[in-house]
Amino acid sequence: MKQRTVELLALAEEYCNELSRHPVLSEYWSELSLVIKGSVARDNPDRYSDIDLVFFCAEKPYREIIEMYYKHGLTHRDDGVFLPLGNWVGHYNLETLDKLTSYFKRPDYPQVWEYQNVVVLHDPQDRYQKLVSSLSSDLLADPLPAIKREYLDIQLTLDWLRHPLKRGDSVSVALHCAKLLQSLCRICYLLDGKCYPHDKWLFSYIGTTRFGKSNKSSIRKYVAQIANSVPRHLELDGYPQYVEGAALVERVGAFIGKYYGKLPWIAEWYLHV
């Protein structure tokens, strides 16, 4: 464990103890679960990392806590609680267990990833851990539908990239390439039956996936191609933004075929969008 992680976790424990004596929260302490999320929980903090604490509870205590905070002037918001720790060394907020469940049901993959990778500081009867474990077991038990959606979106974005390139529209090209890059990173996780993180961490962790580990350098190379000049009216093989992107998409299709079978929508994607 990194030294910075050790330091911030120790500080988080101190705040946990302090919050357990809070004039409002102490009244509900047995009904609250408290986790630390973010880079500290994932043992990947840097000089910019802070302590990100989240309380979870049922709907009734959640509403009562907000009402009491507002009534006693502890917050000026009547729609929730989001408050700093110390001199913004971190912060804490409240969410309901129903809202946590909704992230899995939608599904909201980045939010699920966030809450699958936490350190639990306080969790009576393991409420949080049991809920996340139960919801996680069902979410990507069969990842193929999510893989198909992302793969078709990748192919469609690559197809839409053709005309902006030939027109020399550099801004549109950059937007399409960025979307293609985002989808390529996302599918790295889905191919392993995993949720993907928010864009802030999307590339950082692709090395933990099979496709990402073997293609990370190629994806990084593609990033360098996005800012290349965009002359008009060339054939598609004259544009590295297209050539490098198409090569990566082809590798994705081959990966799906190898591990999930020769599915008709891999080659004939245009019949399924």
C-alpha atoms as a PDB file:
ATOM      1  CA  MET A   1       0.000   0.000   0.000  1.00  0.00           C
ATOM      2  CA  LYS A   2       1.353   3.423  -0.948  1.00  0.00           C
ATOM      3  CA  GLN A   3       2.427   5.747   1.841  1.00  0.00           C
ATOM      4  CA  ARG A   4       0.039   8.431   0.635  1.00  0.00           C
ATOM      5  CA  THR A   5      -2.802   5.886   0.858  1.00  0.00           C
ATOM      6  CA  VAL A   6      -1.819   4.933   4.400  1.00  0.00           C
ATOM      7  CA  GLU A   7      -1.798   8.583   5.455  1.00  0.00           C
ATOM      8  CA  LEU A   8      -5.167   9.431   3.913  1.00  0.00           C
ATOM      9  CA  LEU A   9      -6.842   6.265   5.184  1.00  0.00           C
ATOM     10  CA  ALA A  10      -5.631   7.050   8.701  1.00  0.00           C
ATOM     11  CA  LEU A  11      -7.023  10.553   8.364  1.00  0.00           C
ATOM     12  CA  ALA A  12     -10.301   9.128   7.029  1.00  0.00           C
ATOM     13  CA  GLU A  13     -10.560   6.912  10.116  1.00  0.00           C
ATOM     14  CA  GLU A  14     -10.109   9.981  12.307  1.00  0.00           C
ATOM     15  CA  TYR A  15     -12.931  11.763  10.499  1.00  0.00           C
ATOM     16  CA  CYS A  16     -15.072   8.638  10.755  1.00  0.00           C
ATOM     17  CA  ASN A  17     -14.652   8.684  14.537  1.00  0.00           C
ATOM     18  CA  GLU A  18     -15.333  12.412  14.639  1.00  0.00           C
ATOM     19  CA  LEU A  19     -18.477  12.083  12.528  1.00  0.00           C
ATOM     20  CA  SER A  20     -19.750   9.273  14.752  1.00  0.00           C
ATOM     21  CA  ARG A  21     -20.014  11.927  17.488  1.00  0.00           C
ATOM     22  CA  HIS A  22     -21.702  14.470  15.219  1.00  0.00           C
ATOM     23  CA  PRO A  23     -24.832  15.931  16.882  1.00  0.00           C
ATOM     24  CA  VAL A  24     -27.031  14.730  13.999  1.00  0.00           C
ATOM     25  CA  LEU A  25     -25.220  11.729  12.534  1.00  0.00           C
ATOM     26  CA  SER A  26     -24.640  10.141  15.939  1.00  0.00           C
ATOM     27  CA  GLU A  27     -28.412   9.754  16.317  1.00  0.00           C
ATOM     28  CA  TYR A  28     -28.484   7.595  13.192  1.00  0.00           C
ATOM     29  CA  TRP A  29     -25.062   5.949  13.399  1.00  0.00           C
ATOM     30  CA  SER A  30     -26.441   2.395  13.590  1.00  0.00           C
ATOM     31  CA  GLU A  31     -28.427   3.022  10.394  1.00  0.00           C
ATOM     32  CA  LEU A  32     -25.566   4.515   8.373  1.00  0.00           C
ATOM     33  CA  SER A  33     -22.903   2.851   6.253  1.00  0.00           C
ATOM     34  CA  LEU A  34     -19.778   4.891   5.491  1.00  0.00           C
ATOM     35  CA  VAL A  35     -17.302   4.263   2.674  1.00  0.00           C
ATOM     36  CA  ILE A  36     -14.315   6.066   1.258  1.00  0.00           C
ATOM     37  CA  LYS A  37     -14.180   5.999  -2.523  1.00  0.00           C
ATOM     38  CA  GLY A  38     -11.862   7.426  -5.165  1.00  0.00           C
ATOM     39  CA  SER A  39      -8.130   7.044  -5.634  1.00  0.00           C
ATOM     40  CA  VAL A  40      -7.470   6.523  -1.919  1.00  0.00           C
ATOM     41  CA  ALA A  41      -9.732   3.464  -1.865  1.00  0.00           C
ATOM     42  CA  ARG A  42      -8.029   2.117  -5.001  1.00  0.00           C
ATOM     43  CA  ASP A  43      -4.532   2.708  -3.573  1.00  0.00           C
ATOM     44  CA  ASN A  44      -3.718   5.100  -6.398  1.00  0.00           C
ATOM     45  CA  PRO A  45      -3.604   8.550  -4.770  1.00  0.00           C
ATOM     46  CA  ASP A  46      -1.329  11.396  -5.746  1.00  0.00           C
ATOM     47  CA  ARG A  47      -0.680  14.898  -4.453  1.00  0.00           C
ATOM     48  CA  TYR A  48      -4.099  16.033  -5.724  1.00  0.00           C
ATOM     49  CA  SER A  49      -6.130  13.263  -4.076  1.00  0.00           C
ATOM     50  CA  ASP A  50      -8.501  14.018  -1.228  1.00  0.00           C
ATOM     51  CA  ILE A  51     -10.768  12.076   1.125  1.00  0.00           C
ATOM     52  CA  ASP A  52     -14.099  11.294  -0.528  1.00  0.00           C
ATOM     53  CA  LEU A  53     -16.562   9.900   2.034  1.00  0.00           C
ATOM     54  CA  VAL A  54     -20.113   8.782   1.299  1.00  0.00           C
ATOM     55  CA  PHE A  55     -22.803   7.794   3.790  1.00  0.00           C
ATOM     56  CA  PHE A  56     -25.564   5.398   2.738  1.00  0.00           C
ATOM     57  CA  CYS A  57     -28.835   4.745   4.518  1.00  0.00           C
ATOM     58  CA  ALA A  58     -32.514   4.037   3.909  1.00  0.00           C
ATOM     59  CA  GLU A  59     -34.830   6.738   2.573  1.00  0.00           C
ATOM     60  CA  LYS A  60     -36.469   7.653   5.898  1.00  0.00           C
ATOM     61  CA  PRO A  61     -33.300   8.455   7.902  1.00  0.00           C
ATOM     62  CA  TYR A  62     -31.848  10.131   4.824  1.00  0.00           C
ATOM     63  CA  ARG A  63     -34.731  12.638   4.722  1.00  0.00           C
ATOM     64  CA  GLU A  64     -34.637  13.141   8.469  1.00  0.00           C
ATOM     65  CA  ILE A  65     -30.886  13.859   8.476  1.00  0.00           C
ATOM     66  CA  ILE A  66     -31.245  16.413   5.681  1.00  0.00           C
ATOM     67  CA  GLU A  67     -34.098  18.085   7.522  1.00  0.00           C
ATOM     68  CA  MET A  68     -32.095  18.275  10.755  1.00  0.00           C
ATOM     69  CA  TYR A  69     -28.992  19.630   8.994  1.00  0.00           C
ATOM     70  CA  TYR A  70     -31.093  22.300   7.320  1.00  0.00           C
ATOM     71  CA  LYS A  71     -33.055  23.134  10.474  1.00  0.00           C
ATOM     72  CA  HIS A  72     -29.894  23.624  12.560  1.00  0.00           C
ATOM     73  CA  GLY A  73     -28.091  25.664   9.910  1.00  0.00           C
ATOM     74  CA  LEU A  74     -25.510  22.959   9.180  1.00  0.00           C
ATOM     75  CA  THR A  75     -26.254  23.203   5.460  1.00  0.00           C
ATOM     76  CA  HIS A  76     -28.034  25.749   3.261  1.00  0.00           C
ATOM     77  CA  ARG A  77     -29.268  23.033   0.910  1.00  0.00           C
ATOM     78  CA  ASP A  78     -32.597  21.352   1.491  1.00  0.00           C
ATOM     79  CA  ASP A  79     -31.976  18.709  -1.178  1.00  0.00           C
ATOM     80  CA  GLY A  80     -28.999  16.963   0.363  1.00  0.00           C
ATOM     81  CA  VAL A  81     -25.793  17.199   2.360  1.00  0.00           C
ATOM     82  CA  PHE A  82     -22.374  17.849   0.846  1.00  0.00           C
ATOM     83  CA  LEU A  83     -19.858  19.293   3.298  1.00  0.00           C
ATOM     84  CA  PRO A  84     -16.088  19.719   3.508  1.00  0.00           C
ATOM     85  CA  LEU A  85     -13.776  17.925   5.892  1.00  0.00           C
ATOM     86  CA  GLY A  86     -11.355  20.269   7.601  1.00  0.00           C
ATOM     87  CA  ASN A  87      -9.955  22.860   5.224  1.00  0.00           C
ATOM     88  CA  TRP A  88     -11.182  20.893   2.186  1.00  0.00           C
ATOM     89  CA  VAL A  89      -8.849  17.961   2.846  1.00  0.00           C
ATOM     90  CA  GLY A  90     -11.899  16.058   1.677  1.00  0.00           C
ATOM     91  CA  HIS A  91     -15.686  16.028   1.859  1.00  0.00           C
ATOM     92  CA  TYR A  92     -18.656  13.851   2.674  1.00  0.00           C
ATOM     93  CA  ASN A  93     -22.169  13.460   1.350  1.00  0.00           C
ATOM     94  CA  LEU A  94     -25.235  11.272   1.870  1.00  0.00           C
ATOM     95  CA  GLU A  95     -26.957   8.925  -0.542  1.00  0.00           C
ATOM     96  CA  THR A  96     -29.732   6.401  -0.127  1.00  0.00           C
ATOM     97  CA  LEU A  97     -29.389   2.657  -0.567  1.00  0.00           C
ATOM     98  CA  ASP A  98     -32.163   2.942  -3.159  1.00  0.00           C
ATOM     99  CA  LYS A  99     -30.033   5.332  -5.192  1.00  0.00           C
ATOM    100  CA  LEU A 100     -27.085   2.957  -4.931  1.00  0.00           C
ATOM    101  CA  THR A 101     -29.345   0.198  -6.232  1.00  0.00           C
ATOM    102  CA  SER A 102     -30.459   2.414  -9.129  1.00  0.00           C
ATOM    103  CA  TYR A 103     -26.876   2.708 -10.403  1.00  0.00           C
ATOM    104  CA  PHE A 104     -26.879  -1.053 -10.949  1.00  0.00           C
ATOM    105  CA  LYS A 105     -30.383  -1.216 -12.383  1.00  0.00           C
ATOM    106  CA  ARG A 106     -29.920   1.473 -15.094  1.00  0.00           C
ATOM    107  CA  PRO A 107     -27.028   0.423 -15.380  1.00  0.00           C
ATOM    108  CA  ASP A 108     -24.641   3.318 -14.743  1.00  0.00           C
ATOM    109  CA  TYR A 109     -21.319   1.541 -15.229  1.00  0.00           C
ATOM    110  CA  PRO A 110     -18.989   4.342 -14.018  1.00  0.00           C
ATOM    111  CA  GLN A 111     -20.967   4.830 -10.808  1.00  0.00           C
ATOM    112  CA  VAL A 112     -21.079   1.080 -10.215  1.00  0.00           C
ATOM    113  CA  TRP A 113     -17.314   0.859 -10.780  1.00  0.00           C
ATOM    114  CA  GLU A 114     -16.853   3.679  -8.273  1.00  0.00           C
ATOM    115  CA  TYR A 115     -18.859   1.921  -5.578  1.00  0.00           C
ATOM    116  CA  GLN A 116     -17.421  -1.519  -6.257  1.00  0.00           C
ATOM    117  CA  ASN A 117     -13.990  -0.087  -5.452  1.00  0.00           C
ATOM    118  CA  VAL A 118     -14.331   1.415  -1.995  1.00  0.00           C
ATOM    119  CA  VAL A 119     -12.934   0.942   1.485  1.00  0.00           C
ATOM    120  CA  VAL A 120     -15.698   0.378   4.007  1.00  0.00           C
ATOM    121  CA  LEU A 121     -15.209   2.352   7.230  1.00  0.00           C
ATOM    122  CA  HIS A 122     -18.519   1.641   8.958  1.00  0.00           C
ATOM    123  CA  ASP A 123     -21.161  -0.855   7.863  1.00  0.00           C
ATOM    124  CA  PRO A 124     -23.596  -2.241  10.478  1.00  0.00           C
ATOM    125  CA  GLN A 125     -24.745  -5.776   9.572  1.00  0.00           C
ATOM    126  CA  ASP A 126     -22.682  -5.436   6.362  1.00  0.00           C
ATOM    127  CA  ARG A 127     -25.624  -3.695   4.692  1.00  0.00           C
ATOM    128  CA  TYR A 128     -23.535  -1.939   2.072  1.00  0.00           C
ATOM    129  CA  GLN A 129     -21.287  -4.877   1.285  1.00  0.00           C
ATOM    130  CA  LYS A 130     -24.120  -7.388   0.996  1.00  0.00           C
ATOM    131  CA  LEU A 131     -26.116  -5.086  -1.301  1.00  0.00           C
ATOM    132  CA  VAL A 132     -23.207  -4.341  -3.639  1.00  0.00           C
ATOM    133  CA  SER A 133     -22.186  -8.001  -3.744  1.00  0.00           C
ATOM    134  CA  SER A 134     -25.715  -9.105  -4.612  1.00  0.00           C
ATOM    135  CA  LEU A 135     -26.213  -6.449  -7.279  1.00  0.00           C
ATOM    136  CA  SER A 136     -22.764  -7.020  -8.801  1.00  0.00           C
ATOM    137  CA  SER A 137     -23.330 -10.741  -9.259  1.00  0.00           C
ATOM    138  CA  ASP A 138     -26.230 -10.075 -11.649  1.00  0.00           C
ATOM    139  CA  LEU A 139     -25.045  -6.956 -13.462  1.00  0.00           C
ATOM    140  CA  LEU A 140     -22.636  -8.368 -16.048  1.00  0.00           C
ATOM    141  CA  ALA A 141     -23.258 -12.078 -15.596  1.00  0.00           C
ATOM    142  CA  ASP A 142     -23.793 -12.021 -19.367  1.00  0.00           C
ATOM    143  CA  PRO A 143     -21.730  -9.106 -20.736  1.00  0.00           C
ATOM    144  CA  LEU A 144     -22.476  -9.809 -24.408  1.00  0.00           C
ATOM    145  CA  PRO A 145     -25.454  -7.413 -24.802  1.00  0.00           C
ATOM    146  CA  ALA A 146     -23.366  -4.544 -23.379  1.00  0.00           C
ATOM    147  CA  ILE A 147     -20.409  -5.537 -25.559  1.00  0.00           C
ATOM    148  CA  LYS A 148     -22.638  -5.571 -28.637  1.00  0.00           C
ATOM    149  CA  ARG A 149     -24.053  -2.107 -27.898  1.00  0.00           C
ATOM    150  CA  GLU A 150     -20.599  -0.608 -27.425  1.00  0.00           C
ATOM    151  CA  TYR A 151     -19.142  -2.384 -30.453  1.00  0.00           C
ATOM    152  CA  LEU A 152     -21.934  -1.186 -32.741  1.00  0.00           C
ATOM    153  CA  ASP A 153     -21.450   2.342 -31.409  1.00  0.00           C
ATOM    154  CA  ILE A 154     -17.720   2.082 -32.175  1.00  0.00           C
ATOM    155  CA  GLN A 155     -18.380   0.966 -35.745  1.00  0.00           C
ATOM    156  CA  LEU A 156     -20.967   3.704 -36.265  1.00  0.00           C
ATOM    157  CA  THR A 157     -18.593   6.396 -34.970  1.00  0.00           C
ATOM    158  CA  LEU A 158     -15.831   5.133 -37.261  1.00  0.00           C
ATOM    159  CA  ASP A 159     -18.248   5.218 -40.199  1.00  0.00           C
ATOM    160  CA  TRP A 160     -19.346   8.780 -39.370  1.00  0.00           C
ATOM    161  CA  LEU A 161     -15.691   9.852 -39.224  1.00  0.00           C
ATOM    162  CA  ARG A 162     -15.249   9.374 -42.985  1.00  0.00           C
ATOM    163  CA  HIS A 163     -17.010  12.490 -44.250  1.00  0.00           C
ATOM    164  CA  PRO A 164     -15.530  15.011 -41.749  1.00  0.00           C
ATOM    165  CA  LEU A 165     -12.089  13.732 -42.774  1.00  0.00           C
ATOM    166  CA  LYS A 166     -12.733  14.175 -46.491  1.00  0.00           C
ATOM    167  CA  ARG A 167     -14.219  17.629 -45.862  1.00  0.00           C
ATOM    168  CA  GLY A 168     -11.188  18.674 -43.816  1.00  0.00           C
ATOM    169  CA  ASP A 169     -13.349  19.510 -40.799  1.00  0.00           C
ATOM    170  CA  SER A 170     -10.697  19.220 -38.093  1.00  0.00           C
ATOM    171  CA  VAL A 171     -13.019  20.030 -35.183  1.00  0.00           C
ATOM    172  CA  SER A 172     -15.564  17.400 -36.190  1.00  0.00           C
ATOM    173  CA  VAL A 173     -12.752  14.909 -36.747  1.00  0.00           C
ATOM    174  CA  ALA A 174     -11.401  15.538 -33.246  1.00  0.00           C
ATOM    175  CA  LEU A 175     -14.868  15.077 -31.725  1.00  0.00           C
ATOM    176  CA  HIS A 176     -15.451  11.790 -33.548  1.00  0.00           C
ATOM    177  CA  CYS A 177     -11.976  10.508 -32.705  1.00  0.00           C
ATOM    178  CA  ALA A 178     -12.484  11.377 -29.040  1.00  0.00           C
ATOM    179  CA  LYS A 179     -15.785   9.492 -29.001  1.00  0.00           C
ATOM    180  CA  LEU A 180     -14.154   6.534 -30.721  1.00  0.00           C
ATOM    181  CA  LEU A 181     -11.341   6.607 -28.188  1.00  0.00           C
ATOM    182  CA  GLN A 182     -13.817   6.698 -25.295  1.00  0.00           C
ATOM    183  CA  SER A 183     -15.735   3.710 -26.663  1.00  0.00           C
ATOM    184  CA  LEU A 184     -12.543   1.739 -27.300  1.00  0.00           C
ATOM    185  CA  CYS A 185     -11.484   2.246 -23.687  1.00  0.00           C
ATOM    186  CA  ARG A 186     -14.927   1.357 -22.370  1.00  0.00           C
ATOM    187  CA  ILE A 187     -15.151  -1.888 -24.278  1.00  0.00           C
ATOM    188  CA  CYS A 188     -11.838  -3.032 -22.797  1.00  0.00           C
ATOM    189  CA  TYR A 189     -13.633  -3.513 -19.482  1.00  0.00           C
ATOM    190  CA  LEU A 190     -16.869  -4.892 -20.902  1.00  0.00           C
ATOM    191  CA  LEU A 191     -14.942  -7.582 -22.783  1.00  0.00           C
ATOM    192  CA  ASP A 192     -13.865  -8.916 -19.386  1.00  0.00           C
ATOM    193  CA  GLY A 193     -17.343  -8.595 -17.881  1.00  0.00           C
ATOM    194  CA  LYS A 194     -16.326  -5.551 -15.840  1.00  0.00           C
ATOM    195  CA  CYS A 195     -17.808  -2.098 -15.350  1.00  0.00           C
ATOM    196  CA  TYR A 196     -15.771   0.793 -16.702  1.00  0.00           C
ATOM    197  CA  PRO A 197     -14.783   3.918 -14.738  1.00  0.00           C
ATOM    198  CA  HIS A 198     -15.506   7.585 -15.317  1.00  0.00           C
ATOM    199  CA  ASP A 199     -13.492   9.212 -18.094  1.00  0.00           C
ATOM    200  CA  LYS A 200     -11.035  10.589 -15.525  1.00  0.00           C
ATOM    201  CA  TRP A 201      -9.782   7.040 -14.901  1.00  0.00           C
ATOM    202  CA  LEU A 202     -10.927   5.308 -18.081  1.00  0.00           C
ATOM    203  CA  PHE A 203      -7.473   4.938 -19.653  1.00  0.00           C
ATOM    204  CA  SER A 204      -5.540   4.617 -16.388  1.00  0.00           C
ATOM    205  CA  TYR A 205      -6.957   1.189 -15.581  1.00  0.00           C
ATOM    206  CA  ILE A 206      -7.292  -0.461 -18.998  1.00  0.00           C
ATOM    207  CA  GLY A 207      -4.071  -2.360 -18.257  1.00  0.00           C
ATOM    208  CA  THR A 208      -6.137  -4.426 -15.814  1.00  0.00           C
ATOM    209  CA  THR A 209      -8.107  -5.846 -18.770  1.00  0.00           C
ATOM    210  CA  ARG A 210      -7.017  -8.413 -21.338  1.00  0.00           C
ATOM    211  CA  PHE A 211      -7.638  -6.310 -24.429  1.00  0.00           C
ATOM    212  CA  GLY A 212      -6.397  -3.140 -22.778  1.00  0.00           C
ATOM    213  CA  LYS A 213      -3.156  -4.737 -21.604  1.00  0.00           C
ATOM    214  CA  SER A 214      -2.203  -5.913 -25.090  1.00  0.00           C
ATOM    215  CA  ASN A 215      -3.416  -2.756 -26.899  1.00  0.00           C
ATOM    216  CA  LYS A 216      -2.594   0.073 -24.482  1.00  0.00           C
ATOM    217  CA  SER A 217       0.365   1.294 -26.546  1.00  0.00           C
ATOM    218  CA  SER A 218      -1.751   1.254 -29.738  1.00  0.00           C
ATOM    219  CA  ILE A 219      -4.507   3.247 -28.045  1.00  0.00           C
ATOM    220  CA  ARG A 220      -1.921   5.752 -26.829  1.00  0.00           C
ATOM    221  CA  LYS A 221      -0.553   5.956 -30.375  1.00  0.00           C
ATOM    222  CA  TYR A 222      -4.062   6.667 -31.646  1.00  0.00           C
ATOM    223  CA  VAL A 223      -4.333   9.607 -29.250  1.00  0.00           C
ATOM    224  CA  ALA A 224      -1.298  11.135 -30.975  1.00  0.00           C
ATOM    225  CA  GLN A 225      -3.011  10.825 -34.370  1.00  0.00           C
ATOM    226  CA  ILE A 226      -6.085  12.835 -33.419  1.00  0.00           C
ATOM    227  CA  ALA A 227      -4.374  16.227 -33.672  1.00  0.00           C
ATOM    228  CA  ASN A 228      -2.841  15.529 -37.095  1.00  0.00           C
ATOM    229  CA  SER A 229      -3.717  17.901 -39.918  1.00  0.00           C
ATOM    230  CA  VAL A 230      -6.838  17.080 -41.935  1.00  0.00           C
ATOM    231  CA  PRO A 231      -6.323  17.806 -45.649  1.00  0.00           C
ATOM    232  CA  ARG A 232      -9.377  17.542 -47.886  1.00  0.00           C
ATOM    233  CA  HIS A 233     -10.420  14.954 -50.436  1.00  0.00           C
ATOM    234  CA  LEU A 234      -7.938  12.163 -49.668  1.00  0.00           C
ATOM    235  CA  GLU A 235      -8.746   8.480 -49.793  1.00  0.00           C
ATOM    236  CA  LEU A 236      -9.427   7.070 -46.327  1.00  0.00           C
ATOM    237  CA  ASP A 237      -6.059   5.291 -46.189  1.00  0.00           C
ATOM    238  CA  GLY A 238      -4.470   8.742 -46.303  1.00  0.00           C
ATOM    239  CA  TYR A 239      -5.861   9.668 -42.905  1.00  0.00           C
ATOM    240  CA  PRO A 240      -4.088   8.173 -39.860  1.00  0.00           C
ATOM    241  CA  GLN A 241      -7.102   9.145 -37.731  1.00  0.00           C
ATOM    242  CA  TYR A 242      -9.119   6.617 -39.717  1.00  0.00           C
ATOM    243  CA  VAL A 243      -6.460   3.974 -40.423  1.00  0.00           C
ATOM    244  CA  GLU A 244      -5.299   3.638 -36.809  1.00  0.00           C
ATOM    245  CA  GLY A 245      -8.875   3.736 -35.526  1.00  0.00           C
ATOM    246  CA  ALA A 246     -10.041   1.089 -37.991  1.00  0.00           C
ATOM    247  CA  ALA A 247      -7.131  -1.174 -37.002  1.00  0.00           C
ATOM    248  CA  LEU A 248      -8.118  -0.982 -33.352  1.00  0.00           C
ATOM    249  CA  VAL A 249     -11.766  -1.651 -34.167  1.00  0.00           C
ATOM    250  CA  GLU A 250     -10.745  -4.686 -36.209  1.00  0.00           C
ATOM    251  CA  ARG A 251      -8.795  -6.007 -33.213  1.00  0.00           C
ATOM    252  CA  VAL A 252     -11.864  -5.546 -31.027  1.00  0.00           C
ATOM    253  CA  GLY A 253     -13.950  -7.573 -33.478  1.00  0.00           C
ATOM    254  CA  ALA A 254     -11.314 -10.323 -33.560  1.00  0.00           C
ATOM    255  CA  PHE A 255     -11.229 -10.399 -29.754  1.00  0.00           C
ATOM    256  CA  ILE A 256     -15.018 -10.754 -29.548  1.00  0.00           C
ATOM    257  CA  GLY A 257     -14.926 -13.536 -32.135  1.00  0.00           C
ATOM    258  CA  LYS A 258     -12.198 -15.400 -30.239  1.00  0.00           C
ATOM    259  CA  TYR A 259     -13.836 -15.303 -26.818  1.00  0.00           C
ATOM    260  CA  TYR A 260     -17.556 -15.032 -27.618  1.00  0.00           C
ATOM    261  CA  GLY A 261     -17.901 -16.743 -30.993  1.00  0.00           C
ATOM    262  CA  LYS A 262     -18.228 -15.649 -34.622  1.00  0.00           C
ATOM    263  CA  LEU A 263     -21.325 -13.533 -34.128  1.00  0.00           C
ATOM    264  CA  PRO A 264     -23.094 -12.097 -37.217  1.00  0.00           C
ATOM    265  CA  TRP A 265     -23.005  -8.505 -35.948  1.00  0.00           C
ATOM    266  CA  ILE A 266     -19.199  -8.429 -35.809  1.00  0.00           C
ATOM    267  CA  ALA A 267     -18.640  -8.284 -39.572  1.00  0.00           C
ATOM    268  CA  GLU A 268     -22.122  -7.159 -40.635  1.00  0.00           C
ATOM    269  CA  TRP A 269     -22.489  -4.511 -37.938  1.00  0.00           C
ATOM    270  CA  TYR A 270     -24.336  -2.161 -40.315  1.00  0.00           C
ATOM    271  CA  LEU A 271     -27.319  -4.548 -40.323  1.00  0.00           C
ATOM    272  CA  HIS A 272     -27.734  -4.212 -36.558  1.00  0.00           C
ATOM    273  CA  VAL A 273     -27.594  -0.477 -35.851  1.00  0.00           C
END
